Amino acid sequence: MKKLIVALACIAALGASAINAEALSVGDAYYIGSADPGSPASASDEIFYINNLRLLSIGATDSETVAPHTWEFSRVGSTLDCSVCGLATITGASSGQSPSTSIDVTGWTYLLGKFGNTSYVWYVGGLSGSQTLPLDLPGIQGSGQSHYSLYNPVSVPEGGSTLMLLGMGLAGVAALRRRFGV
């Protein structure tokens, strides 16, 4: 019985260590680019920013004018090939109206963080668990995070905790069968 308990504890420890937490930052492998100004900041405006950024080449900048606004889009500092990034849509969007340092991106494709008057975008498709987004961008005055938004929800297969519980249940049934000869 001791061996079974030790084995189950090891399985639980492995499952708990599978949680993926990373810090997102400007210029990291997931960074797409920025839109300045990042206002207005409605969901449809943010979709406009994301889709303009994903069409730019790595390292490129562009401006777009839709009266009365002019935006500067920048992929400077990005190394992400956006040919894998699909069209951003408003369907199922989720917005955190308060600043947050820990955002669960499981099942989402895009994360937009609004810092000061600039919107920064990351491709989070394939990431899971809580990702860390700073409250301020280092070296940029007035860059406090005002909110974040998640776009393009995707269906996510069952996580490791469900499989871990199933495995523990099956191990328990096997142990009971051996013990009582059922």
Protein backbone atom coordinates (compact mmCIF):
# COMPACT_ATOMS: atom_id res chain seq x y z
CA MET A 1 0.00 0.00 0.00
CA LYS A 2 2.93 2.33 0.77
CA LYS A 3 4.26 1.89 -2.75
CA LEU A 4 0.88 2.82 -4.21
CA ILE A 5 0.69 5.99 -2.09
CA VAL A 6 4.24 6.98 -3.08
CA ALA A 7 3.46 6.34 -6.76
CA LEU A 8 0.28 8.42 -6.58
CA ALA A 9 2.15 11.26 -4.84
CA CYS A 10 4.78 11.23 -7.61
CA ILE A 11 2.08 11.33 -10.29
CA ALA A 12 0.39 14.27 -8.52
CA ALA A 13 3.71 16.13 -8.27
CA LEU A 14 4.39 15.63 -11.98
CA GLY A 15 0.91 16.86 -12.87
CA ALA A 16 1.32 19.98 -10.74
CA SER A 17 4.68 20.77 -12.32
CA ALA A 18 3.14 20.70 -15.81
CA ILE A 19 1.56 24.13 -15.33
CA ASN A 20 3.05 26.52 -17.90
CA ALA A 21 3.70 30.05 -16.61
CA GLU A 22 5.73 32.56 -18.57
CA ALA A 23 6.30 36.29 -18.52
CA LEU A 24 5.26 38.04 -21.72
CA SER A 25 7.25 41.09 -22.74
CA VAL A 26 7.81 43.42 -25.67
CA GLY A 27 10.24 41.71 -28.04
CA ASP A 28 9.77 38.15 -26.79
CA ALA A 29 9.02 35.19 -29.09
CA TYR A 30 5.24 35.76 -28.82
CA TYR A 31 5.25 39.50 -29.40
CA ILE A 32 3.50 40.70 -32.59
CA GLY A 33 3.75 44.48 -32.29
CA SER A 34 2.15 47.74 -31.17
CA ALA A 35 -0.50 50.22 -32.25
CA ASP A 36 -0.07 53.85 -31.25
CA PRO A 37 -2.32 55.39 -30.21
CA GLY A 38 -4.18 52.37 -28.87
CA SER A 39 -7.37 54.33 -28.64
CA PRO A 40 -10.21 54.18 -29.05
CA ALA A 41 -10.12 50.90 -27.17
CA SER A 42 -13.36 49.10 -27.98
CA ALA A 43 -13.19 45.41 -28.94
CA SER A 44 -13.80 46.21 -32.62
CA ASP A 45 -11.01 48.82 -32.56
CA GLU A 46 -8.63 46.32 -30.96
CA ILE A 47 -9.46 43.76 -33.67
CA PHE A 48 -8.53 46.45 -36.21
CA TYR A 49 -5.14 46.89 -34.46
CA ILE A 50 -4.40 43.15 -34.31
CA ASN A 51 -5.30 42.53 -37.95
CA ASN A 52 -3.22 45.47 -39.18
CA LEU A 53 -0.21 44.26 -37.18
CA ARG A 54 -0.41 40.66 -38.39
CA LEU A 55 -0.29 41.86 -42.01
CA LEU A 56 2.99 43.75 -41.51
CA SER A 57 6.36 42.12 -42.12
CA ILE A 58 8.73 41.50 -39.22
CA GLY A 59 10.46 44.77 -38.31
CA ALA A 60 8.12 46.92 -40.46
CA THR A 61 6.08 49.99 -39.53
CA ASP A 62 3.04 51.48 -41.20
CA SER A 63 0.47 54.18 -40.60
CA GLU A 64 -3.24 53.95 -41.21
CA THR A 65 -5.69 56.84 -41.30
CA VAL A 66 -9.40 56.42 -40.81
CA ALA A 67 -10.71 59.93 -40.21
CA PRO A 68 -10.41 61.39 -37.66
CA HIS A 69 -7.70 58.96 -36.38
CA THR A 70 -4.22 58.08 -37.57
CA TRP A 71 -2.46 55.04 -36.09
CA GLU A 72 1.17 53.97 -36.21
CA PHE A 73 1.60 50.20 -36.37
CA SER A 74 4.99 48.72 -35.52
CA ARG A 75 6.43 45.20 -35.75
CA VAL A 76 9.85 46.50 -34.66
CA GLY A 77 11.22 44.08 -32.06
CA SER A 78 9.02 41.21 -33.25
CA THR A 79 10.47 37.97 -34.58
CA LEU A 80 7.13 36.16 -34.89
CA ASP A 81 6.12 34.95 -38.35
CA CYS A 82 2.45 35.95 -38.49
CA SER A 83 1.67 33.64 -41.40
CA VAL A 84 0.58 31.19 -38.66
CA CYS A 85 -1.67 33.81 -37.08
CA GLY A 86 -5.26 33.69 -38.28
CA LEU A 87 -7.60 36.63 -38.73
CA ALA A 88 -8.60 38.12 -35.39
CA THR A 89 -12.34 38.26 -34.77
CA ILE A 90 -14.54 39.77 -32.11
CA THR A 91 -16.53 36.54 -31.61
CA GLY A 92 -16.11 35.31 -28.04
CA ALA A 93 -13.71 38.10 -27.04
CA SER A 94 -12.97 38.54 -23.34
CA SER A 95 -11.75 41.71 -21.71
CA GLY A 96 -10.22 42.25 -18.30
CA GLN A 97 -11.18 45.81 -17.44
CA SER A 98 -8.65 45.96 -14.61
CA PRO A 99 -4.89 45.67 -14.85
CA SER A 100 -3.65 42.16 -14.12
CA THR A 101 -0.25 40.52 -13.90
CA SER A 102 -1.56 36.96 -14.24
CA ILE A 103 -3.76 36.12 -17.22
CA ASP A 104 -4.96 32.62 -18.13
CA VAL A 105 -4.46 32.43 -21.90
CA THR A 106 -5.49 28.78 -22.24
CA GLY A 107 -7.67 28.45 -25.32
CA TRP A 108 -7.03 31.95 -26.72
CA THR A 109 -5.10 33.11 -29.79
CA TYR A 110 -4.35 36.80 -29.14
CA LEU A 111 -3.66 38.86 -26.04
CA LEU A 112 -3.79 42.64 -26.31
CA GLY A 113 -2.46 44.70 -23.42
CA LYS A 114 -3.16 48.42 -23.28
CA PHE A 115 -0.29 50.36 -21.72
CA GLY A 116 -0.64 54.13 -21.54
CA ASN A 117 -1.98 55.12 -24.93
CA THR A 118 -0.40 52.21 -26.83
CA SER A 119 -1.79 48.72 -27.45
CA TYR A 120 0.68 45.80 -27.49
CA VAL A 121 -0.25 42.44 -29.00
CA TRP A 122 1.02 38.89 -28.36
CA TYR A 123 0.18 35.63 -30.15
CA VAL A 124 -0.72 33.21 -27.33
CA GLY A 125 -2.11 30.36 -29.44
CA GLY A 126 -0.56 27.16 -28.12
CA LEU A 127 0.30 28.64 -24.71
CA SER A 128 -1.59 27.48 -21.65
CA GLY A 129 -2.01 28.47 -18.07
CA SER A 130 -1.31 31.83 -16.52
CA GLN A 131 0.98 34.20 -18.37
CA THR A 132 2.51 37.19 -16.64
CA LEU A 133 1.91 40.60 -18.16
CA PRO A 134 3.71 43.53 -16.51
CA LEU A 135 1.76 46.38 -14.90
CA ASP A 136 4.28 48.87 -16.38
CA LEU A 137 6.63 48.68 -19.33
CA PRO A 138 10.20 49.33 -18.19
CA GLY A 139 11.75 52.53 -19.51
CA ILE A 140 8.52 53.93 -20.97
CA GLN A 141 7.02 56.81 -19.00
CA GLY A 142 3.24 56.69 -18.47
CA SER A 143 3.00 53.10 -19.62
CA GLY A 144 0.83 51.64 -16.87
CA GLN A 145 -1.42 48.78 -17.95
CA SER A 146 -5.05 49.93 -18.18
CA HIS A 147 -6.60 46.64 -19.34
CA TYR A 148 -6.09 43.50 -21.39
CA SER A 149 -8.26 41.64 -23.92
CA LEU A 150 -8.22 38.08 -25.23
CA TYR A 151 -9.36 37.24 -28.77
CA ASN A 152 -10.15 34.16 -30.85
CA PRO A 153 -11.12 31.48 -28.36
CA VAL A 154 -10.25 27.97 -29.51
CA SER A 155 -11.48 24.65 -28.20
CA VAL A 156 -8.90 23.11 -25.90
CA PRO A 157 -8.55 19.39 -25.26
CA GLU A 158 -8.89 18.16 -21.70
CA GLY A 159 -6.03 19.22 -19.47
CA GLY A 160 -3.51 17.19 -17.53
CA SER A 161 -5.40 17.40 -14.23
CA THR A 162 -8.35 15.45 -15.68
CA LEU A 163 -6.02 12.77 -17.02
CA MET A 164 -4.18 12.67 -13.70
CA LEU A 165 -7.45 12.12 -11.80
CA LEU A 166 -8.50 9.41 -14.24
CA GLY A 167 -5.15 7.66 -13.82
CA MET A 168 -5.35 7.86 -10.04
CA GLY A 169 -8.87 6.40 -10.12
CA LEU A 170 -7.77 3.51 -12.33
CA ALA A 171 -4.76 2.86 -10.10
CA GLY A 172 -7.07 2.80 -7.07
CA VAL A 173 -9.42 0.31 -8.75
CA ALA A 174 -6.46 -1.90 -9.68
CA ALA A 175 -5.19 -1.79 -6.09
CA LEU A 176 -8.62 -2.73 -4.72
CA ARG A 177 -8.91 -5.62 -7.18
CA ARG A 178 -5.52 -6.99 -6.09
CA ARG A 179 -6.32 -6.50 -2.41
CA PHE A 180 -9.76 -8.09 -2.40
CA GLY A 181 -9.38 -10.40 -5.42
CA VAL A 182 -12.35 -8.91 -7.22
